[in-house]
Amino acid sequence: LPIWSVVEIVGGGAGMHLAVTLPGGYRDLEIAERAAQQNLWTWPLSPSYLDEGARPGFILGFGSTSVQEIPGAVRKLRNLLTMK
């Protein structure tokens, strides 16, 4: 399953961060905990919302990540998402 069929990328055209949103049913806080155990640091998106319309997802920073590290990090995230 390609990761891009699950996530929606928001703000990928500028800056050193981007946001990805996930469909309902994903628990970004739990996934972020499992990601940290694999040295993959994500910032859960859902706590950033003030109302019940919170969407699960992540804020991903890539400013200090080398180009060579990005494919491996994306694979780790994809594997975590397939576990839900």
PDB file of N, CA and C in Angstrom:
ATOM      1  N   LEU A   1       0.840  -1.190   0.000  1.00  0.00           N
ATOM      2  CA  LEU A   1       0.000   0.000   0.000  1.00  0.00           C
ATOM      3  C   LEU A   1       0.877   1.243   0.000  1.00  0.00           C
ATOM      4  N   PRO A   2       0.821   2.069  -1.036  1.00  0.00           N
ATOM      5  CA  PRO A   2       1.625   3.295  -1.051  1.00  0.00           C
ATOM      6  C   PRO A   2       1.152   4.250   0.046  1.00  0.00           C
ATOM      7  N   ILE A   3       2.102   4.852   0.744  1.00  0.00           N
ATOM      8  CA  ILE A   3       1.749   5.767   1.833  1.00  0.00           C
ATOM      9  C   ILE A   3       0.898   6.920   1.316  1.00  0.00           C
ATOM     10  N   TRP A   4       1.112   7.323   0.061  1.00  0.00           N
ATOM     11  CA  TRP A   4       0.390   8.480  -0.472  1.00  0.00           C
ATOM     12  C   TRP A   4      -1.070   8.170  -0.721  1.00  0.00           C
ATOM     13  N   SER A   5      -1.466   6.902  -0.698  1.00  0.00           N
ATOM     14  CA  SER A   5      -2.885   6.578  -0.829  1.00  0.00           C
ATOM     15  C   SER A   5      -3.599   6.701   0.514  1.00  0.00           C
ATOM     16  N   VAL A   6      -2.847   6.894   1.596  1.00  0.00           N
ATOM     17  CA  VAL A   6      -3.429   7.011   2.930  1.00  0.00           C
ATOM     18  C   VAL A   6      -3.393   8.446   3.428  1.00  0.00           C
ATOM     19  N   VAL A   7      -2.296   9.146   3.200  1.00  0.00           N
ATOM     20  CA  VAL A   7      -2.131  10.492   3.750  1.00  0.00           C
ATOM     21  C   VAL A   7      -2.459  11.551   2.717  1.00  0.00           C
ATOM     22  N   GLU A   8      -2.840  12.726   3.214  1.00  0.00           N
ATOM     23  CA  GLU A   8      -2.996  13.914   2.374  1.00  0.00           C
ATOM     24  C   GLU A   8      -1.919  14.894   2.820  1.00  0.00           C
ATOM     25  N   ILE A   9      -1.101  15.359   1.906  1.00  0.00           N
ATOM     26  CA  ILE A   9      -0.018  16.288   2.230  1.00  0.00           C
ATOM     27  C   ILE A   9      -0.540  17.711   2.124  1.00  0.00           C
ATOM     28  N   VAL A  10      -0.275  18.496   3.181  1.00  0.00           N
ATOM     29  CA  VAL A  10      -0.717  19.885   3.234  1.00  0.00           C
ATOM     30  C   VAL A  10       0.518  20.760   3.431  1.00  0.00           C
ATOM     31  N   GLY A  11       0.706  21.749   2.601  1.00  0.00           N
ATOM     32  CA  GLY A  11       1.798  22.703   2.770  1.00  0.00           C
ATOM     33  C   GLY A  11       3.151  22.176   2.350  1.00  0.00           C
ATOM     34  N   GLY A  12       3.209  21.267   1.410  1.00  0.00           N
ATOM     35  CA  GLY A  12       4.475  20.703   0.977  1.00  0.00           C
ATOM     36  C   GLY A  12       5.288  21.597   0.072  1.00  0.00           C
ATOM     37  N   GLY A  13       4.745  22.733  -0.337  1.00  0.00           N
ATOM     38  CA  GLY A  13       5.437  23.585  -1.288  1.00  0.00           C
ATOM     39  C   GLY A  13       6.404  24.590  -0.688  1.00  0.00           C
ATOM     40  N   ALA A  14       6.412  24.713   0.631  1.00  0.00           N
ATOM     41  CA  ALA A  14       7.268  25.745   1.225  1.00  0.00           C
ATOM     42  C   ALA A  14       7.666  25.351   2.639  1.00  0.00           C
ATOM     43  N   GLY A  15       8.730  25.939   3.110  1.00  0.00           N
ATOM     44  CA  GLY A  15       9.132  25.762   4.494  1.00  0.00           C
ATOM     45  C   GLY A  15       9.931  24.508   4.756  1.00  0.00           C
ATOM     46  N   MET A  16      10.136  24.250   6.047  1.00  0.00           N
ATOM     47  CA  MET A  16      10.908  23.086   6.476  1.00  0.00           C
ATOM     48  C   MET A  16      10.035  22.087   7.224  1.00  0.00           C
ATOM     49  N   HIS A  17       8.716  22.274   7.139  1.00  0.00           N
ATOM     50  CA  HIS A  17       7.753  21.369   7.732  1.00  0.00           C
ATOM     51  C   HIS A  17       6.633  21.151   6.726  1.00  0.00           C
ATOM     52  N   LEU A  18       5.952  20.055   6.874  1.00  0.00           N
ATOM     53  CA  LEU A  18       4.724  19.853   6.141  1.00  0.00           C
ATOM     54  C   LEU A  18       3.780  19.098   7.056  1.00  0.00           C
ATOM     55  N   ALA A  19       2.519  19.185   6.743  1.00  0.00           N
ATOM     56  CA  ALA A  19       1.522  18.456   7.519  1.00  0.00           C
ATOM     57  C   ALA A  19       0.948  17.359   6.637  1.00  0.00           C
ATOM     58  N   VAL A  20       0.703  16.226   7.249  1.00  0.00           N
ATOM     59  CA  VAL A  20      -0.007  15.152   6.562  1.00  0.00           C
ATOM     60  C   VAL A  20      -1.219  14.816   7.419  1.00  0.00           C
ATOM     61  N   THR A  21      -2.360  14.689   6.769  1.00  0.00           N
ATOM     62  CA  THR A  21      -3.566  14.301   7.483  1.00  0.00           C
ATOM     63  C   THR A  21      -3.897  12.865   7.130  1.00  0.00           C
ATOM     64  N   LEU A  22      -4.557  12.210   8.065  1.00  0.00           N
ATOM     65  CA  LEU A  22      -4.909  10.800   7.912  1.00  0.00           C
ATOM     66  C   LEU A  22      -6.419  10.653   7.913  1.00  0.00           C
ATOM     67  N   PRO A  23      -6.925   9.600   7.319  1.00  0.00           N
ATOM     68  CA  PRO A  23      -8.365   9.350   7.397  1.00  0.00           C
ATOM     69  C   PRO A  23      -8.758   9.009   8.831  1.00  0.00           C
ATOM     70  N   GLY A  24     -10.045   9.098   9.127  1.00  0.00           N
ATOM     71  CA  GLY A  24     -10.549   8.717  10.444  1.00  0.00           C
ATOM     72  C   GLY A  24     -10.159   7.288  10.781  1.00  0.00           C
ATOM     73  N   GLY A  25     -10.057   7.009  12.055  1.00  0.00           N
ATOM     74  CA  GLY A  25      -9.681   5.666  12.482  1.00  0.00           C
ATOM     75  C   GLY A  25      -8.214   5.545  12.853  1.00  0.00           C
ATOM     76  N   TYR A  26      -7.405   6.484  12.433  1.00  0.00           N
ATOM     77  CA  TYR A  26      -5.988   6.483  12.804  1.00  0.00           C
ATOM     78  C   TYR A  26      -5.823   7.285  14.088  1.00  0.00           C
ATOM     79  N   ARG A  27      -4.955   6.833  14.957  1.00  0.00           N
ATOM     80  CA  ARG A  27      -4.692   7.518  16.223  1.00  0.00           C
ATOM     81  C   ARG A  27      -3.274   8.068  16.191  1.00  0.00           C
ATOM     82  N   ASP A  28      -3.178   9.327  15.826  1.00  0.00           N
ATOM     83  CA  ASP A  28      -1.864   9.926  15.611  1.00  0.00           C
ATOM     84  C   ASP A  28      -1.004   9.951  16.877  1.00  0.00           C
ATOM     85  N   LEU A  29      -1.610  10.096  18.050  1.00  0.00           N
ATOM     86  CA  LEU A  29      -0.827  10.106  19.287  1.00  0.00           C
ATOM     87  C   LEU A  29      -0.150   8.753  19.515  1.00  0.00           C
ATOM     88  N   GLU A  30      -0.887   7.680  19.300  1.00  0.00           N
ATOM     89  CA  GLU A  30      -0.328   6.336  19.474  1.00  0.00           C
ATOM     90  C   GLU A  30       0.734   6.034  18.422  1.00  0.00           C
ATOM     91  N   ILE A  31       0.469   6.431  17.188  1.00  0.00           N
ATOM     92  CA  ILE A  31       1.435   6.188  16.114  1.00  0.00           C
ATOM     93  C   ILE A  31       2.719   6.974  16.386  1.00  0.00           C
ATOM     94  N   ALA A  32       2.596   8.209  16.877  1.00  0.00           N
ATOM     95  CA  ALA A  32       3.775   9.021  17.186  1.00  0.00           C
ATOM     96  C   ALA A  32       4.617   8.368  18.283  1.00  0.00           C
ATOM     97  N   GLU A  33       3.965   7.744  19.259  1.00  0.00           N
ATOM     98  CA  GLU A  33       4.703   7.031  20.311  1.00  0.00           C
ATOM     99  C   GLU A  33       5.496   5.866  19.735  1.00  0.00           C
ATOM    100  N   ARG A  34       4.854   5.084  18.879  1.00  0.00           N
ATOM    101  CA  ARG A  34       5.552   3.952  18.255  1.00  0.00           C
ATOM    102  C   ARG A  34       6.668   4.447  17.341  1.00  0.00           C
ATOM    103  N   ALA A  35       6.434   5.566  16.654  1.00  0.00           N
ATOM    104  CA  ALA A  35       7.466   6.134  15.776  1.00  0.00           C
ATOM    105  C   ALA A  35       8.691   6.538  16.591  1.00  0.00           C
ATOM    106  N   ALA A  36       8.474   7.156  17.744  1.00  0.00           N
ATOM    107  CA  ALA A  36       9.594   7.590  18.583  1.00  0.00           C
ATOM    108  C   ALA A  36      10.440   6.405  19.029  1.00  0.00           C
ATOM    109  N   GLN A  37       9.825   5.259  19.223  1.00  0.00           N
ATOM    110  CA  GLN A  37      10.574   4.054  19.593  1.00  0.00           C
ATOM    111  C   GLN A  37      11.502   3.608  18.474  1.00  0.00           C
ATOM    112  N   GLN A  38      11.251   4.082  17.262  1.00  0.00           N
ATOM    113  CA  GLN A  38      12.089   3.750  16.108  1.00  0.00           C
ATOM    114  C   GLN A  38      12.931   4.955  15.662  1.00  0.00           C
ATOM    115  N   ASN A  39      13.098   5.922  16.570  1.00  0.00           N
ATOM    116  CA  ASN A  39      13.866   7.140  16.276  1.00  0.00           C
ATOM    117  C   ASN A  39      13.311   7.917  15.086  1.00  0.00           C
ATOM    118  N   LEU A  40      11.997   7.903  14.944  1.00  0.00           N
ATOM    119  CA  LEU A  40      11.306   8.684  13.919  1.00  0.00           C
ATOM    120  C   LEU A  40      10.429   9.678  14.675  1.00  0.00           C
ATOM    121  N   TRP A  41      10.774  10.949  14.565  1.00  0.00           N
ATOM    122  CA  TRP A  41      10.106  11.967  15.377  1.00  0.00           C
ATOM    123  C   TRP A  41       9.019  12.660  14.568  1.00  0.00           C
ATOM    124  N   THR A  42       7.789  12.507  15.042  1.00  0.00           N
ATOM    125  CA  THR A  42       6.634  13.148  14.418  1.00  0.00           C
ATOM    126  C   THR A  42       5.916  13.974  15.474  1.00  0.00           C
ATOM    127  N   TRP A  43       5.194  14.980  15.054  1.00  0.00           N
ATOM    128  CA  TRP A  43       4.410  15.806  15.948  1.00  0.00           C
ATOM    129  C   TRP A  43       2.948  15.549  15.608  1.00  0.00           C
ATOM    130  N   PRO A  44       2.191  14.895  16.507  1.00  0.00           N
ATOM    131  CA  PRO A  44       0.783  14.601  16.214  1.00  0.00           C
ATOM    132  C   PRO A  44       0.005  15.885  15.926  1.00  0.00           C
ATOM    133  N   LEU A  45      -0.850  15.830  14.932  1.00  0.00           N
ATOM    134  CA  LEU A  45      -1.604  16.995  14.495  1.00  0.00           C
ATOM    135  C   LEU A  45      -2.885  17.213  15.313  1.00  0.00           C
ATOM    136  N   SER A  46      -3.536  16.153  15.749  1.00  0.00           N
ATOM    137  CA  SER A  46      -4.848  16.291  16.392  1.00  0.00           C
ATOM    138  C   SER A  46      -4.857  17.207  17.614  1.00  0.00           C
ATOM    139  N   PRO A  47      -3.826  17.252  18.471  1.00  0.00           N
ATOM    140  CA  PRO A  47      -3.877  18.179  19.603  1.00  0.00           C
ATOM    141  C   PRO A  47      -3.834  19.659  19.199  1.00  0.00           C
ATOM    142  N   SER A  48      -3.547  19.957  17.935  1.00  0.00           N
ATOM    143  CA  SER A  48      -3.484  21.339  17.476  1.00  0.00           C
ATOM    144  C   SER A  48      -4.867  21.931  17.226  1.00  0.00           C
ATOM    145  N   TYR A  49      -5.895  21.100  17.199  1.00  0.00           N
ATOM    146  CA  TYR A  49      -7.257  21.564  16.954  1.00  0.00           C
ATOM    147  C   TYR A  49      -7.921  21.975  18.263  1.00  0.00           C
ATOM    148  N   LEU A  50      -8.764  22.989  18.206  1.00  0.00           N
ATOM    149  CA  LEU A  50      -9.460  23.462  19.392  1.00  0.00           C
ATOM    150  C   LEU A  50     -10.852  22.862  19.543  1.00  0.00           C
ATOM    151  N   ASP A  51     -11.387  22.248  18.503  1.00  0.00           N
ATOM    152  CA  ASP A  51     -12.755  21.731  18.596  1.00  0.00           C
ATOM    153  C   ASP A  51     -12.801  20.240  18.271  1.00  0.00           C
ATOM    154  N   GLU A  52     -14.000  19.720  18.229  1.00  0.00           N
ATOM    155  CA  GLU A  52     -14.184  18.285  17.979  1.00  0.00           C
ATOM    156  C   GLU A  52     -13.860  17.868  16.550  1.00  0.00           C
ATOM    157  N   GLY A  53     -13.605  18.818  15.668  1.00  0.00           N
ATOM    158  CA  GLY A  53     -13.299  18.511  14.275  1.00  0.00           C
ATOM    159  C   GLY A  53     -11.845  18.134  14.043  1.00  0.00           C
ATOM    160  N   ALA A  54     -11.148  17.750  15.100  1.00  0.00           N
ATOM    161  CA  ALA A  54      -9.721  17.420  14.987  1.00  0.00           C
ATOM    162  C   ALA A  54      -9.503  16.286  13.998  1.00  0.00           C
ATOM    163  N   ARG A  55      -8.511  16.461  13.170  1.00  0.00           N
ATOM    164  CA  ARG A  55      -8.134  15.417  12.213  1.00  0.00           C
ATOM    165  C   ARG A  55      -6.832  14.792  12.665  1.00  0.00           C
ATOM    166  N   PRO A  56      -6.724  13.484  12.570  1.00  0.00           N
ATOM    167  CA  PRO A  56      -5.443  12.860  12.892  1.00  0.00           C
ATOM    168  C   PRO A  56      -4.440  13.139  11.785  1.00  0.00           C
ATOM    169  N   GLY A  57      -3.198  13.186  12.152  1.00  0.00           N
ATOM    170  CA  GLY A  57      -2.138  13.416  11.180  1.00  0.00           C
ATOM    171  C   GLY A  57      -0.862  13.800  11.899  1.00  0.00           C
ATOM    172  N   PHE A  58       0.062  14.350  11.153  1.00  0.00           N
ATOM    173  CA  PHE A  58       1.358  14.709  11.718  1.00  0.00           C
ATOM    174  C   PHE A  58       1.891  15.988  11.100  1.00  0.00           C
ATOM    175  N   ILE A  59       2.675  16.698  11.878  1.00  0.00           N
ATOM    176  CA  ILE A  59       3.513  17.765  11.367  1.00  0.00           C
ATOM    177  C   ILE A  59       4.900  17.143  11.271  1.00  0.00           C
ATOM    178  N   LEU A  60       5.461  17.166  10.094  1.00  0.00           N
ATOM    179  CA  LEU A  60       6.752  16.527   9.850  1.00  0.00           C
ATOM    180  C   LEU A  60       7.789  17.592   9.514  1.00  0.00           C
ATOM    181  N   GLY A  61       8.867  17.595  10.249  1.00  0.00           N
ATOM    182  CA  GLY A  61       9.972  18.503   9.967  1.00  0.00           C
ATOM    183  C   GLY A  61      11.050  17.759   9.192  1.00  0.00           C
ATOM    184  N   PHE A  62      11.619  18.420   8.220  1.00  0.00           N
ATOM    185  CA  PHE A  62      12.666  17.764   7.434  1.00  0.00           C
ATOM    186  C   PHE A  62      13.879  18.664   7.230  1.00  0.00           C
ATOM    187  N   GLY A  63      13.955  19.769   7.969  1.00  0.00           N
ATOM    188  CA  GLY A  63      15.041  20.724   7.799  1.00  0.00           C
ATOM    189  C   GLY A  63      16.414  20.157   8.129  1.00  0.00           C
ATOM    190  N   SER A  64      16.496  19.259   9.101  1.00  0.00           N
ATOM    191  CA  SER A  64      17.805  18.707   9.486  1.00  0.00           C
ATOM    192  C   SER A  64      17.992  17.278   8.990  1.00  0.00           C
ATOM    193  N   THR A  65      17.151  16.860   8.060  1.00  0.00           N
ATOM    194  CA  THR A  65      17.210  15.507   7.520  1.00  0.00           C
ATOM    195  C   THR A  65      17.902  15.531   6.164  1.00  0.00           C
ATOM    196  N   SER A  66      18.863  14.631   5.985  1.00  0.00           N
ATOM    197  CA  SER A  66      19.545  14.590   4.684  1.00  0.00           C
ATOM    198  C   SER A  66      18.636  13.930   3.650  1.00  0.00           C
ATOM    199  N   VAL A  67      18.899  14.229   2.410  1.00  0.00           N
ATOM    200  CA  VAL A  67      18.125  13.657   1.310  1.00  0.00           C
ATOM    201  C   VAL A  67      18.189  12.125   1.360  1.00  0.00           C
ATOM    202  N   GLN A  68      19.344  11.589   1.748  1.00  0.00           N
ATOM    203  CA  GLN A  68      19.511  10.130   1.800  1.00  0.00           C
ATOM    204  C   GLN A  68      18.664   9.495   2.904  1.00  0.00           C
ATOM    205  N   GLU A  69      18.356  10.226   3.973  1.00  0.00           N
ATOM    206  CA  GLU A  69      17.586   9.688   5.096  1.00  0.00           C
ATOM    207  C   GLU A  69      16.080   9.675   4.840  1.00  0.00           C
ATOM    208  N   ILE A  70      15.596  10.504   3.947  1.00  0.00           N
ATOM    209  CA  ILE A  70      14.154  10.670   3.759  1.00  0.00           C
ATOM    210  C   ILE A  70      13.460   9.385   3.303  1.00  0.00           C
ATOM    211  N   PRO A  71      13.946   8.648   2.296  1.00  0.00           N
ATOM    212  CA  PRO A  71      13.233   7.428   1.891  1.00  0.00           C
ATOM    213  C   PRO A  71      13.070   6.424   3.042  1.00  0.00           C
ATOM    214  N   GLY A  72      14.091   6.244   3.853  1.00  0.00           N
ATOM    215  CA  GLY A  72      13.990   5.314   4.981  1.00  0.00           C
ATOM    216  C   GLY A  72      12.975   5.781   6.003  1.00  0.00           C
ATOM    217  N   ALA A  73      12.933   7.088   6.263  1.00  0.00           N
ATOM    218  CA  ALA A  73      11.965   7.632   7.208  1.00  0.00           C
ATOM    219  C   ALA A  73      10.537   7.464   6.683  1.00  0.00           C
ATOM    220  N   VAL A  74      10.338   7.670   5.394  1.00  0.00           N
ATOM    221  CA  VAL A  74       9.009   7.488   4.797  1.00  0.00           C
ATOM    222  C   VAL A  74       8.590   6.020   4.895  1.00  0.00           C
ATOM    223  N   ARG A  75       9.519   5.101   4.672  1.00  0.00           N
ATOM    224  CA  ARG A  75       9.196   3.669   4.806  1.00  0.00           C
ATOM    225  C   ARG A  75       8.798   3.338   6.242  1.00  0.00           C
ATOM    226  N   LYS A  76       9.521   3.880   7.223  1.00  0.00           N
ATOM    227  CA  LYS A  76       9.164   3.644   8.626  1.00  0.00           C
ATOM    228  C   LYS A  76       7.745   4.145   8.910  1.00  0.00           C
ATOM    229  N   LEU A  77       7.443   5.350   8.433  1.00  0.00           N
ATOM    230  CA  LEU A  77       6.111   5.902   8.658  1.00  0.00           C
ATOM    231  C   LEU A  77       5.047   5.051   7.976  1.00  0.00           C
ATOM    232  N   ARG A  78       5.320   4.632   6.757  1.00  0.00           N
ATOM    233  CA  ARG A  78       4.358   3.772   6.052  1.00  0.00           C
ATOM    234  C   ARG A  78       4.100   2.492   6.824  1.00  0.00           C
ATOM    235  N   ASN A  79       5.162   1.865   7.338  1.00  0.00           N
ATOM    236  CA  ASN A  79       4.986   0.637   8.109  1.00  0.00           C
ATOM    237  C   ASN A  79       4.165   0.875   9.373  1.00  0.00           C
ATOM    238  N   LEU A  80       4.391   1.986  10.030  1.00  0.00           N
ATOM    239  CA  LEU A  80       3.609   2.311  11.220  1.00  0.00           C
ATOM    240  C   LEU A  80       2.137   2.537  10.882  1.00  0.00           C
ATOM    241  N   LEU A  81       1.879   3.142   9.743  1.00  0.00           N
ATOM    242  CA  LEU A  81       0.495   3.404   9.357  1.00  0.00           C
ATOM    243  C   LEU A  81      -0.246   2.141   8.954  1.00  0.00           C
ATOM    244  N   THR A  82       0.467   1.160   8.437  1.00  0.00           N
ATOM    245  CA  THR A  82      -0.213  -0.076   8.074  1.00  0.00           C
ATOM    246  C   THR A  82      -0.596  -0.874   9.324  1.00  0.00           C
ATOM    247  N   MET A  83       0.025  -0.551  10.461  1.00  0.00           N
ATOM    248  CA  MET A  83      -0.328  -1.210  11.725  1.00  0.00           C
ATOM    249  C   MET A  83      -1.525  -0.549  12.375  1.00  0.00           C
ATOM    250  N   LYS A  84      -1.842   0.686  11.969  1.00  0.00           N
ATOM    251  CA  LYS A  84      -2.887   1.513  12.576  1.00  0.00           C
ATOM    252  C   LYS A  84      -2.682   1.514  14.063  1.00  0.00           C
TER     253      LYS A  84
END
